Amino acid sequence: NTSLVKSATYAICGLTCALAAVIYTGMSNTAQASSYGGLELVVIASVIVGGTPLGGGSGGLFFTLIGLLLLSVIENLLPQFGVQEEYRNIVRGLIILIVVAVDVLVRGSKKTRRT
């Protein structure tokens, strides 16, 4: 039942967001609507680097966590190499472009082999 799965998915996402907000508020002793703003690119990059294609259809939690770990390592290394804050989104975008290009090339070569 597709509508039940969608409803359950939205409910689980809402509950986990609420839990994260409560934990963050408890840790920081403050509540601001703009807290963690701009993390959308990090989340999307983690999912894509983890191997989930932009078209959907496949992917998994384990590889998404691996993608998040890889991006976290890169994020922590950027200041060590002297990369300024304003250029970090550019680096993230380049990583996304490279991963998507490699994914398209790999999936394209698999399709041509089948035919």
PDB file of N, CA and C in Angstrom:
ATOM      1  N   ASN A   1       0.847  -1.174   0.000  1.00  0.00           N
ATOM      2  CA  ASN A   1       0.000   0.000   0.000  1.00  0.00           C
ATOM      3  C   ASN A   1       0.894   1.241   0.000  1.00  0.00           C
ATOM      4  N   THR A   2       0.915   1.936  -1.115  1.00  0.00           N
ATOM      5  CA  THR A   2       1.835   3.051  -1.303  1.00  0.00           C
ATOM      6  C   THR A   2       1.537   4.216  -0.371  1.00  0.00           C
ATOM      7  N   SER A   3       0.275   4.563  -0.198  1.00  0.00           N
ATOM      8  CA  SER A   3      -0.057   5.713   0.647  1.00  0.00           C
ATOM      9  C   SER A   3       0.301   5.447   2.105  1.00  0.00           C
ATOM     10  N   LEU A   4       0.165   4.220   2.562  1.00  0.00           N
ATOM     11  CA  LEU A   4       0.542   3.884   3.930  1.00  0.00           C
ATOM     12  C   LEU A   4       2.054   3.995   4.121  1.00  0.00           C
ATOM     13  N   VAL A   5       2.815   3.522   3.147  1.00  0.00           N
ATOM     14  CA  VAL A   5       4.275   3.606   3.233  1.00  0.00           C
ATOM     15  C   VAL A   5       4.723   5.064   3.223  1.00  0.00           C
ATOM     16  N   LYS A   6       4.123   5.882   2.355  1.00  0.00           N
ATOM     17  CA  LYS A   6       4.473   7.306   2.317  1.00  0.00           C
ATOM     18  C   LYS A   6       4.140   7.987   3.638  1.00  0.00           C
ATOM     19  N   SER A   7       2.968   7.712   4.166  1.00  0.00           N
ATOM     20  CA  SER A   7       2.566   8.326   5.431  1.00  0.00           C
ATOM     21  C   SER A   7       3.490   7.905   6.563  1.00  0.00           C
ATOM     22  N   ALA A   8       3.826   6.631   6.615  1.00  0.00           N
ATOM     23  CA  ALA A   8       4.733   6.146   7.658  1.00  0.00           C
ATOM     24  C   ALA A   8       6.116   6.762   7.508  1.00  0.00           C
ATOM     25  N   THR A   9       6.580   6.916   6.268  1.00  0.00           N
ATOM     26  CA  THR A   9       7.889   7.517   6.027  1.00  0.00           C
ATOM     27  C   THR A   9       7.918   8.960   6.501  1.00  0.00           C
ATOM     28  N   TYR A  10       6.890   9.741   6.169  1.00  0.00           N
ATOM     29  CA  TYR A  10       6.832  11.131   6.625  1.00  0.00           C
ATOM     30  C   TYR A  10       6.745  11.206   8.146  1.00  0.00           C
ATOM     31  N   ALA A  11       5.995  10.306   8.755  1.00  0.00           N
ATOM     32  CA  ALA A  11       5.875  10.307  10.211  1.00  0.00           C
ATOM     33  C   ALA A  11       7.212   9.995  10.871  1.00  0.00           C
ATOM     34  N   ILE A  12       7.929   9.012  10.349  1.00  0.00           N
ATOM     35  CA  ILE A  12       9.242   8.657  10.907  1.00  0.00           C
ATOM     36  C   ILE A  12      10.224   9.808  10.732  1.00  0.00           C
ATOM     37  N   CYS A  13      10.211  10.447   9.559  1.00  0.00           N
ATOM     38  CA  CYS A  13      11.102  11.596   9.327  1.00  0.00           C
ATOM     39  C   CYS A  13      10.779  12.734  10.286  1.00  0.00           C
ATOM     40  N   GLY A  14       9.503  13.007  10.482  1.00  0.00           N
ATOM     41  CA  GLY A  14       9.103  14.063  11.409  1.00  0.00           C
ATOM     42  C   GLY A  14       9.528  13.767  12.837  1.00  0.00           C
ATOM     43  N   LEU A  15       9.365  12.517  13.251  1.00  0.00           N
ATOM     44  CA  LEU A  15       9.764  12.135  14.607  1.00  0.00           C
ATOM     45  C   LEU A  15      11.272  12.231  14.809  1.00  0.00           C
ATOM     46  N   THR A  16      12.041  11.793  13.822  1.00  0.00           N
ATOM     47  CA  THR A  16      13.498  11.876  13.972  1.00  0.00           C
ATOM     48  C   THR A  16      13.972  13.324  13.941  1.00  0.00           C
ATOM     49  N   CYS A  17      13.331  14.180  13.143  1.00  0.00           N
ATOM     50  CA  CYS A  17      13.681  15.608  13.152  1.00  0.00           C
ATOM     51  C   CYS A  17      13.359  16.228  14.505  1.00  0.00           C
ATOM     52  N   ALA A  18      12.210  15.882  15.055  1.00  0.00           N
ATOM     53  CA  ALA A  18      11.844  16.408  16.368  1.00  0.00           C
ATOM     54  C   ALA A  18      12.816  15.930  17.440  1.00  0.00           C
ATOM     55  N   LEU A  19      13.199  14.669  17.379  1.00  0.00           N
ATOM     56  CA  LEU A  19      14.161  14.139  18.343  1.00  0.00           C
ATOM     57  C   LEU A  19      15.507  14.850  18.228  1.00  0.00           C
ATOM     58  N   ALA A  20      15.965  15.065  16.998  1.00  0.00           N
ATOM     59  CA  ALA A  20      17.228  15.780  16.791  1.00  0.00           C
ATOM     60  C   ALA A  20      17.132  17.205  17.315  1.00  0.00           C
ATOM     61  N   ALA A  21      15.991  17.862  17.117  1.00  0.00           N
ATOM     62  CA  ALA A  21      15.815  19.229  17.608  1.00  0.00           C
ATOM     63  C   ALA A  21      15.838  19.280  19.127  1.00  0.00           C
ATOM     64  N   VAL A  22      15.200  18.317  19.768  1.00  0.00           N
ATOM     65  CA  VAL A  22      15.202  18.276  21.233  1.00  0.00           C
ATOM     66  C   VAL A  22      16.611  18.033  21.762  1.00  0.00           C
ATOM     67  N   ILE A  23      17.337  17.110  21.146  1.00  0.00           N
ATOM     68  CA  ILE A  23      18.713  16.826  21.579  1.00  0.00           C
ATOM     69  C   ILE A  23      19.597  18.049  21.375  1.00  0.00           C
ATOM     70  N   TYR A  24      19.492  18.698  20.218  1.00  0.00           N
ATOM     71  CA  TYR A  24      20.313  19.883  19.947  1.00  0.00           C
ATOM     72  C   TYR A  24      19.989  21.009  20.922  1.00  0.00           C
ATOM     73  N   THR A  25      18.695  21.226  21.186  1.00  0.00           N
ATOM     74  CA  THR A  25      18.295  22.274  22.116  1.00  0.00           C
ATOM     75  C   THR A  25      18.820  21.984  23.513  1.00  0.00           C
ATOM     76  N   GLY A  26      18.780  20.738  23.922  1.00  0.00           N
ATOM     77  CA  GLY A  26      19.310  20.371  25.233  1.00  0.00           C
ATOM     78  C   GLY A  26      20.813  20.548  25.326  1.00  0.00           C
ATOM     79  N   MET A  27      21.522  20.262  24.250  1.00  0.00           N
ATOM     80  CA  MET A  27      22.981  20.393  24.271  1.00  0.00           C
ATOM     81  C   MET A  27      23.434  21.846  24.224  1.00  0.00           C
ATOM     82  N   SER A  28      22.722  22.684  23.477  1.00  0.00           N
ATOM     83  CA  SER A  28      23.179  24.061  23.288  1.00  0.00           C
ATOM     84  C   SER A  28      22.500  25.056  24.224  1.00  0.00           C
ATOM     85  N   ASN A  29      21.490  24.619  24.958  1.00  0.00           N
ATOM     86  CA  ASN A  29      20.737  25.477  25.873  1.00  0.00           C
ATOM     87  C   ASN A  29      20.135  26.684  25.174  1.00  0.00           C
ATOM     88  N   THR A  30      19.843  26.569  23.909  1.00  0.00           N
ATOM     89  CA  THR A  30      19.211  27.647  23.153  1.00  0.00           C
ATOM     90  C   THR A  30      18.381  27.041  22.026  1.00  0.00           C
ATOM     91  N   ALA A  31      17.368  27.781  21.606  1.00  0.00           N
ATOM     92  CA  ALA A  31      16.532  27.326  20.498  1.00  0.00           C
ATOM     93  C   ALA A  31      16.412  28.458  19.487  1.00  0.00           C
ATOM     94  N   GLN A  32      16.930  28.235  18.301  1.00  0.00           N
ATOM     95  CA  GLN A  32      16.850  29.227  17.235  1.00  0.00           C
ATOM     96  C   GLN A  32      16.367  28.536  15.970  1.00  0.00           C
ATOM     97  N   ALA A  33      15.508  29.219  15.238  1.00  0.00           N
ATOM     98  CA  ALA A  33      14.975  28.629  14.010  1.00  0.00           C
ATOM     99  C   ALA A  33      16.052  28.460  12.948  1.00  0.00           C
ATOM    100  N   SER A  34      17.092  29.274  13.011  1.00  0.00           N
ATOM    101  CA  SER A  34      18.134  29.218  11.981  1.00  0.00           C
ATOM    102  C   SER A  34      19.253  28.235  12.311  1.00  0.00           C
ATOM    103  N   SER A  35      19.155  27.543  13.423  1.00  0.00           N
ATOM    104  CA  SER A  35      20.191  26.578  13.785  1.00  0.00           C
ATOM    105  C   SER A  35      20.255  25.471  12.749  1.00  0.00           C
ATOM    106  N   TYR A  36      21.452  25.116  12.365  1.00  0.00           N
ATOM    107  CA  TYR A  36      21.707  24.079  11.368  1.00  0.00           C
ATOM    108  C   TYR A  36      21.106  24.414  10.009  1.00  0.00           C
ATOM    109  N   GLY A  37      20.901  25.675   9.737  1.00  0.00           N
ATOM    110  CA  GLY A  37      20.453  26.076   8.408  1.00  0.00           C
ATOM    111  C   GLY A  37      21.584  25.872   7.410  1.00  0.00           C
ATOM    112  N   GLY A  38      21.249  25.475   6.214  1.00  0.00           N
ATOM    113  CA  GLY A  38      22.254  25.279   5.186  1.00  0.00           C
ATOM    114  C   GLY A  38      22.854  23.891   5.141  1.00  0.00           C
ATOM    115  N   LEU A  39      22.328  22.979   5.926  1.00  0.00           N
ATOM    116  CA  LEU A  39      22.857  21.615   5.918  1.00  0.00           C
ATOM    117  C   LEU A  39      22.251  20.754   4.812  1.00  0.00           C
ATOM    118  N   GLU A  40      21.360  21.339   4.023  1.00  0.00           N
ATOM    119  CA  GLU A  40      20.715  20.566   2.966  1.00  0.00           C
ATOM    120  C   GLU A  40      21.743  20.022   1.982  1.00  0.00           C
ATOM    121  N   LEU A  41      22.706  20.867   1.622  1.00  0.00           N
ATOM    122  CA  LEU A  41      23.723  20.439   0.663  1.00  0.00           C
ATOM    123  C   LEU A  41      24.568  19.302   1.228  1.00  0.00           C
ATOM    124  N   VAL A  42      24.862  19.363   2.521  1.00  0.00           N
ATOM    125  CA  VAL A  42      25.653  18.303   3.153  1.00  0.00           C
ATOM    126  C   VAL A  42      24.879  16.989   3.138  1.00  0.00           C
ATOM    127  N   VAL A  43      23.602  17.045   3.427  1.00  0.00           N
ATOM    128  CA  VAL A  43      22.777  15.834   3.447  1.00  0.00           C
ATOM    129  C   VAL A  43      22.658  15.243   2.045  1.00  0.00           C
ATOM    130  N   ILE A  44      22.374  16.084   1.065  1.00  0.00           N
ATOM    131  CA  ILE A  44      22.254  15.595  -0.314  1.00  0.00           C
ATOM    132  C   ILE A  44      23.581  15.028  -0.796  1.00  0.00           C
ATOM    133  N   ALA A  45      24.669  15.722  -0.478  1.00  0.00           N
ATOM    134  CA  ALA A  45      25.994  15.236  -0.884  1.00  0.00           C
ATOM    135  C   ALA A  45      26.302  13.894  -0.236  1.00  0.00           C
ATOM    136  N   SER A  46      25.932  13.718   1.032  1.00  0.00           N
ATOM    137  CA  SER A  46      26.189  12.447   1.717  1.00  0.00           C
ATOM    138  C   SER A  46      25.445  11.300   1.054  1.00  0.00           C
ATOM    139  N   VAL A  47      24.206  11.548   0.688  1.00  0.00           N
ATOM    140  CA  VAL A  47      23.405  10.507   0.043  1.00  0.00           C
ATOM    141  C   VAL A  47      23.981  10.165  -1.324  1.00  0.00           C
ATOM    142  N   ILE A  48      24.379  11.187  -2.086  1.00  0.00           N
ATOM    143  CA  ILE A  48      24.909  10.946  -3.431  1.00  0.00           C
ATOM    144  C   ILE A  48      26.271  10.269  -3.363  1.00  0.00           C
ATOM    145  N   VAL A  49      27.147  10.755  -2.475  1.00  0.00           N
ATOM    146  CA  VAL A  49      28.466  10.132  -2.332  1.00  0.00           C
ATOM    147  C   VAL A  49      28.319   8.698  -1.839  1.00  0.00           C
ATOM    148  N   GLY A  50      27.270   8.428  -1.065  1.00  0.00           N
ATOM    149  CA  GLY A  50      27.003   7.077  -0.594  1.00  0.00           C
ATOM    150  C   GLY A  50      26.544   6.125  -1.678  1.00  0.00           C
ATOM    151  N   GLY A  51      26.296   6.634  -2.884  1.00  0.00           N
ATOM    152  CA  GLY A  51      25.979   5.747  -3.992  1.00  0.00           C
ATOM    153  C   GLY A  51      24.534   5.724  -4.433  1.00  0.00           C
ATOM    154  N   THR A  52      23.677   6.514  -3.810  1.00  0.00           N
ATOM    155  CA  THR A  52      22.290   6.552  -4.235  1.00  0.00           C
ATOM    156  C   THR A  52      22.185   7.400  -5.497  1.00  0.00           C
ATOM    157  N   PRO A  53      21.654   6.848  -6.587  1.00  0.00           N
ATOM    158  CA  PRO A  53      21.556   7.639  -7.819  1.00  0.00           C
ATOM    159  C   PRO A  53      20.526   8.754  -7.680  1.00  0.00           C
ATOM    160  N   LEU A  54      20.711   9.835  -8.424  1.00  0.00           N
ATOM    161  CA  LEU A  54      19.777  10.959  -8.356  1.00  0.00           C
ATOM    162  C   LEU A  54      18.384  10.560  -8.806  1.00  0.00           C
ATOM    163  N   GLY A  55      18.285   9.587  -9.677  1.00  0.00           N
ATOM    164  CA  GLY A  55      16.986   9.113 -10.138  1.00  0.00           C
ATOM    165  C   GLY A  55      16.280   8.224  -9.136  1.00  0.00           C
ATOM    166  N   GLY A  56      16.965   7.850  -8.060  1.00  0.00           N
ATOM    167  CA  GLY A  56      16.376   6.982  -7.054  1.00  0.00           C
ATOM    168  C   GLY A  56      16.374   5.529  -7.484  1.00  0.00           C
ATOM    169  N   GLY A  57      15.662   4.726  -6.739  1.00  0.00           N
ATOM    170  CA  GLY A  57      15.514   3.327  -7.097  1.00  0.00           C
ATOM    171  C   GLY A  57      16.433   2.385  -6.355  1.00  0.00           C
ATOM    172  N   SER A  58      17.573   2.864  -5.908  1.00  0.00           N
ATOM    173  CA  SER A  58      18.479   2.003  -5.149  1.00  0.00           C
ATOM    174  C   SER A  58      19.279   2.869  -4.189  1.00  0.00           C
ATOM    175  N   GLY A  59      19.908   2.226  -3.247  1.00  0.00           N
ATOM    176  CA  GLY A  59      20.677   2.941  -2.231  1.00  0.00           C
ATOM    177  C   GLY A  59      20.407   2.304  -0.888  1.00  0.00           C
ATOM    178  N   GLY A  60      21.134   2.736   0.099  1.00  0.00           N
ATOM    179  CA  GLY A  60      20.933   2.151   1.406  1.00  0.00           C
ATOM    180  C   GLY A  60      21.533   3.000   2.506  1.00  0.00           C
ATOM    181  N   LEU A  61      21.118   2.710   3.719  1.00  0.00           N
ATOM    182  CA  LEU A  61      21.561   3.478   4.878  1.00  0.00           C
ATOM    183  C   LEU A  61      23.049   3.315   5.119  1.00  0.00           C
ATOM    184  N   PHE A  62      23.570   2.106   4.995  1.00  0.00           N
ATOM    185  CA  PHE A  62      24.980   1.857   5.290  1.00  0.00           C
ATOM    186  C   PHE A  62      25.887   2.691   4.397  1.00  0.00           C
ATOM    187  N   PHE A  63      25.634   2.663   3.087  1.00  0.00           N
ATOM    188  CA  PHE A  63      26.493   3.409   2.172  1.00  0.00           C
ATOM    189  C   PHE A  63      26.287   4.918   2.308  1.00  0.00           C
ATOM    190  N   THR A  64      25.082   5.339   2.688  1.00  0.00           N
ATOM    191  CA  THR A  64      24.863   6.760   2.962  1.00  0.00           C
ATOM    192  C   THR A  64      25.693   7.196   4.160  1.00  0.00           C
ATOM    193  N   LEU A  65      25.765   6.358   5.189  1.00  0.00           N
ATOM    194  CA  LEU A  65      26.603   6.678   6.348  1.00  0.00           C
ATOM    195  C   LEU A  65      28.080   6.698   5.977  1.00  0.00           C
ATOM    196  N   ILE A  66      28.488   5.810   5.070  1.00  0.00           N
ATOM    197  CA  ILE A  66      29.872   5.838   4.575  1.00  0.00           C
ATOM    198  C   ILE A  66      30.124   7.153   3.836  1.00  0.00           C
ATOM    199  N   GLY A  67      29.169   7.583   3.015  1.00  0.00           N
ATOM    200  CA  GLY A  67      29.289   8.864   2.321  1.00  0.00           C
ATOM    201  C   GLY A  67      29.382  10.026   3.289  1.00  0.00           C
ATOM    202  N   LEU A  68      28.585   9.985   4.360  1.00  0.00           N
ATOM    203  CA  LEU A  68      28.641  11.025   5.387  1.00  0.00           C
ATOM    204  C   LEU A  68      29.992  11.027   6.086  1.00  0.00           C
ATOM    205  N   LEU A  69      30.508   9.852   6.390  1.00  0.00           N
ATOM    206  CA  LEU A  69      31.821   9.753   7.028  1.00  0.00           C
ATOM    207  C   LEU A  69      32.910  10.316   6.123  1.00  0.00           C
ATOM    208  N   LEU A  70      32.860   9.971   4.846  1.00  0.00           N
ATOM    209  CA  LEU A  70      33.846  10.474   3.892  1.00  0.00           C
ATOM    210  C   LEU A  70      33.782  11.994   3.786  1.00  0.00           C
ATOM    211  N   LEU A  71      32.569  12.539   3.679  1.00  0.00           N
ATOM    212  CA  LEU A  71      32.434  13.993   3.599  1.00  0.00           C
ATOM    213  C   LEU A  71      32.863  14.674   4.895  1.00  0.00           C
ATOM    214  N   SER A  72      32.614  14.047   6.033  1.00  0.00           N
ATOM    215  CA  SER A  72      33.052  14.619   7.310  1.00  0.00           C
ATOM    216  C   SER A  72      34.567  14.688   7.394  1.00  0.00           C
ATOM    217  N   VAL A  73      35.225  13.647   6.917  1.00  0.00           N
ATOM    218  CA  VAL A  73      36.691  13.655   6.902  1.00  0.00           C
ATOM    219  C   VAL A  73      37.197  14.779   6.002  1.00  0.00           C
ATOM    220  N   ILE A  74      36.582  14.908   4.828  1.00  0.00           N
ATOM    221  CA  ILE A  74      36.988  15.980   3.908  1.00  0.00           C
ATOM    222  C   ILE A  74      36.728  17.343   4.540  1.00  0.00           C
ATOM    223  N   GLU A  75      35.553  17.515   5.185  1.00  0.00           N
ATOM    224  CA  GLU A  75      35.223  18.782   5.843  1.00  0.00           C
ATOM    225  C   GLU A  75      36.235  19.138   6.931  1.00  0.00           C
ATOM    226  N   ASN A  76      36.704  18.147   7.658  1.00  0.00           N
ATOM    227  CA  ASN A  76      37.672  18.415   8.722  1.00  0.00           C
ATOM    228  C   ASN A  76      39.074  18.648   8.184  1.00  0.00           C
ATOM    229  N   LEU A  77      39.366  18.146   6.996  1.00  0.00           N
ATOM    230  CA  LEU A  77      40.687  18.360   6.402  1.00  0.00           C
ATOM    231  C   LEU A  77      40.801  19.701   5.681  1.00  0.00           C
ATOM    232  N   LEU A  78      39.684  20.238   5.199  1.00  0.00           N
ATOM    233  CA  LEU A  78      39.736  21.489   4.441  1.00  0.00           C
ATOM    234  C   LEU A  78      40.381  22.634   5.222  1.00  0.00           C
ATOM    235  N   PRO A  79      40.023  22.874   6.485  1.00  0.00           N
ATOM    236  CA  PRO A  79      40.705  23.955   7.217  1.00  0.00           C
ATOM    237  C   PRO A  79      42.201  23.684   7.411  1.00  0.00           C
ATOM    238  N   GLN A  80      42.570  22.421   7.501  1.00  0.00           N
ATOM    239  CA  GLN A  80      43.986  22.085   7.662  1.00  0.00           C
ATOM    240  C   GLN A  80      44.793  22.480   6.433  1.00  0.00           C
ATOM    241  N   PHE A  81      44.141  22.467   5.267  1.00  0.00           N
ATOM    242  CA  PHE A  81      44.808  22.854   4.027  1.00  0.00           C
ATOM    243  C   PHE A  81      44.614  24.329   3.706  1.00  0.00           C
ATOM    244  N   GLY A  82      44.008  25.074   4.614  1.00  0.00           N
ATOM    245  CA  GLY A  82      43.853  26.512   4.436  1.00  0.00           C
ATOM    246  C   GLY A  82      42.689  26.931   3.557  1.00  0.00           C
ATOM    247  N   VAL A  83      41.722  26.045   3.331  1.00  0.00           N
ATOM    248  CA  VAL A  83      40.555  26.397   2.516  1.00  0.00           C
ATOM    249  C   VAL A  83      39.609  27.237   3.372  1.00  0.00           C
ATOM    250  N   GLN A  84      39.238  28.401   2.859  1.00  0.00           N
ATOM    251  CA  GLN A  84      38.377  29.306   3.611  1.00  0.00           C
ATOM    252  C   GLN A  84      36.933  28.820   3.595  1.00  0.00           C
ATOM    253  N   GLU A  85      36.164  29.325   4.551  1.00  0.00           N
ATOM    254  CA  GLU A  85      34.776  28.891   4.743  1.00  0.00           C
ATOM    255  C   GLU A  85      33.928  29.083   3.489  1.00  0.00           C
ATOM    256  N   GLU A  86      34.124  30.213   2.803  1.00  0.00           N
ATOM    257  CA  GLU A  86      33.265  30.481   1.649  1.00  0.00           C
ATOM    258  C   GLU A  86      33.528  29.549   0.477  1.00  0.00           C
ATOM    259  N   TYR A  87      34.644  28.861   0.467  1.00  0.00           N
ATOM    260  CA  TYR A  87      34.958  27.943  -0.631  1.00  0.00           C
ATOM    261  C   TYR A  87      34.564  26.498  -0.328  1.00  0.00           C
ATOM    262  N   ARG A  88      34.091  26.225   0.865  1.00  0.00           N
ATOM    263  CA  ARG A  88      33.741  24.841   1.219  1.00  0.00           C
ATOM    264  C   ARG A  88      32.519  24.343   0.452  1.00  0.00           C
ATOM    265  N   ASN A  89      31.542  25.226   0.216  1.00  0.00           N
ATOM    266  CA  ASN A  89      30.387  24.814  -0.593  1.00  0.00           C
ATOM    267  C   ASN A  89      30.798  24.513  -2.022  1.00  0.00           C
ATOM    268  N   ILE A  90      31.796  25.245  -2.523  1.00  0.00           N
ATOM    269  CA  ILE A  90      32.298  24.961  -3.867  1.00  0.00           C
ATOM    270  C   ILE A  90      32.929  23.576  -3.898  1.00  0.00           C
ATOM    271  N   VAL A  91      33.686  23.244  -2.863  1.00  0.00           N
ATOM    272  CA  VAL A  91      34.308  21.920  -2.790  1.00  0.00           C
ATOM    273  C   VAL A  91      33.228  20.844  -2.714  1.00  0.00           C
ATOM    274  N   ARG A  92      32.193  21.072  -1.892  1.00  0.00           N
ATOM    275  CA  ARG A  92      31.087  20.115  -1.806  1.00  0.00           C
ATOM    276  C   ARG A  92      30.418  19.933  -3.165  1.00  0.00           C
ATOM    277  N   GLY A  93      30.166  21.043  -3.844  1.00  0.00           N
ATOM    278  CA  GLY A  93      29.538  20.974  -5.158  1.00  0.00           C
ATOM    279  C   GLY A  93      30.384  20.217  -6.165  1.00  0.00           C
ATOM    280  N   LEU A  94      31.694  20.447  -6.132  1.00  0.00           N
ATOM    281  CA  LEU A  94      32.587  19.718  -7.035  1.00  0.00           C
ATOM    282  C   LEU A  94      32.577  18.226  -6.735  1.00  0.00           C
ATOM    283  N   ILE A  95      32.534  17.882  -5.451  1.00  0.00           N
ATOM    284  CA  ILE A  95      32.466  16.464  -5.075  1.00  0.00           C
ATOM    285  C   ILE A  95      31.185  15.844  -5.623  1.00  0.00           C
ATOM    286  N   ILE A  96      30.057  16.561  -5.484  1.00  0.00           N
ATOM    287  CA  ILE A  96      28.791  16.053  -6.005  1.00  0.00           C
ATOM    288  C   ILE A  96      28.869  15.870  -7.515  1.00  0.00           C
ATOM    289  N   LEU A  97      29.408  16.870  -8.216  1.00  0.00           N
ATOM    290  CA  LEU A  97      29.515  16.770  -9.674  1.00  0.00           C
ATOM    291  C   LEU A  97      30.377  15.589 -10.102  1.00  0.00           C
ATOM    292  N   ILE A  98      31.487  15.385  -9.424  1.00  0.00           N
ATOM    293  CA  ILE A  98      32.382  14.273  -9.771  1.00  0.00           C
ATOM    294  C   ILE A  98      31.690  12.934  -9.535  1.00  0.00           C
ATOM    295  N   VAL A  99      31.030  12.801  -8.383  1.00  0.00           N
ATOM    296  CA  VAL A  99      30.363  11.531  -8.062  1.00  0.00           C
ATOM    297  C   VAL A  99      29.220  11.263  -9.037  1.00  0.00           C
ATOM    298  N   VAL A 100      28.443  12.291  -9.367  1.00  0.00           N
ATOM    299  CA  VAL A 100      27.341  12.105 -10.314  1.00  0.00           C
ATOM    300  C   VAL A 100      27.881  11.749 -11.695  1.00  0.00           C
ATOM    301  N   ALA A 101      28.956  12.408 -12.128  1.00  0.00           N
ATOM    302  CA  ALA A 101      29.541  12.099 -13.438  1.00  0.00           C
ATOM    303  C   ALA A 101      30.042  10.663 -13.490  1.00  0.00           C
ATOM    304  N   VAL A 102      30.721  10.229 -12.439  1.00  0.00           N
ATOM    305  CA  VAL A 102      31.207   8.846 -12.395  1.00  0.00           C
ATOM    306  C   VAL A 102      30.026   7.880 -12.388  1.00  0.00           C
ATOM    307  N   ASP A 103      28.977   8.204 -11.630  1.00  0.00           N
ATOM    308  CA  ASP A 103      27.794   7.348 -11.566  1.00  0.00           C
ATOM    309  C   ASP A 103      27.130   7.228 -12.932  1.00  0.00           C
ATOM    310  N   VAL A 104      27.000   8.342 -13.634  1.00  0.00           N
ATOM    311  CA  VAL A 104      26.389   8.318 -14.968  1.00  0.00           C
ATOM    312  C   VAL A 104      27.237   7.497 -15.930  1.00  0.00           C
ATOM    313  N   LEU A 105      28.546   7.665 -15.870  1.00  0.00           N
ATOM    314  CA  LEU A 105      29.422   6.899 -16.760  1.00  0.00           C
ATOM    315  C   LEU A 105      29.361   5.403 -16.469  1.00  0.00           C
ATOM    316  N   VAL A 106      29.370   5.050 -15.181  1.00  0.00           N
ATOM    317  CA  VAL A 106      29.335   3.628 -14.812  1.00  0.00           C
ATOM    318  C   VAL A 106      27.995   3.011 -15.187  1.00  0.00           C
ATOM    319  N   ARG A 107      26.901   3.683 -14.864  1.00  0.00           N
ATOM    320  CA  ARG A 107      25.578   3.143 -15.193  1.00  0.00           C
ATOM    321  C   ARG A 107      25.356   3.118 -16.696  1.00  0.00           C
ATOM    322  N   GLY A 108      25.894   4.099 -17.401  1.00  0.00           N
ATOM    323  CA  GLY A 108      25.777   4.114 -18.859  1.00  0.00           C
ATOM    324  C   GLY A 108      26.532   2.977 -19.503  1.00  0.00           C
ATOM    325  N   SER A 109      27.714   2.663 -18.974  1.00  0.00           N
ATOM    326  CA  SER A 109      28.485   1.557 -19.545  1.00  0.00           C
ATOM    327  C   SER A 109      27.830   0.214 -19.234  1.00  0.00           C
ATOM    328  N   LYS A 110      27.154   0.103 -18.102  1.00  0.00           N
ATOM    329  CA  LYS A 110      26.441  -1.139 -17.791  1.00  0.00           C
ATOM    330  C   LYS A 110      25.256  -1.334 -18.728  1.00  0.00           C
ATOM    331  N   LYS A 111      24.570  -0.237 -19.072  1.00  0.00           N
ATOM    332  CA  LYS A 111      23.424  -0.349 -19.980  1.00  0.00           C
ATOM    333  C   LYS A 111      23.864  -0.725 -21.381  1.00  0.00           C
ATOM    334  N   THR A 112      25.001  -0.182 -21.833  1.00  0.00           N
ATOM    335  CA  THR A 112      25.450  -0.506 -23.186  1.00  0.00           C
ATOM    336  C   THR A 112      25.949  -1.937 -23.278  1.00  0.00           C
ATOM    337  N   ARG A 113      26.466  -2.485 -22.196  1.00  0.00           N
ATOM    338  CA  ARG A 113      26.916  -3.884 -22.207  1.00  0.00           C
ATOM    339  C   ARG A 113      25.744  -4.841 -22.296  1.00  0.00           C
ATOM    340  N   ARG A 114      24.609  -4.478 -21.711  1.00  0.00           N
ATOM    341  CA  ARG A 114      23.441  -5.359 -21.717  1.00  0.00           C
ATOM    342  C   ARG A 114      22.807  -5.448 -23.092  1.00  0.00           C
ATOM    343  N   THR A 115      22.913  -4.382 -23.875  1.00  0.00           N
ATOM    344  CA  THR A 115      22.241  -4.384 -25.178  1.00  0.00           C
ATOM    345  C   THR A 115      23.120  -4.939 -26.258  1.00  0.00           C
TER     346      THR A 115
END
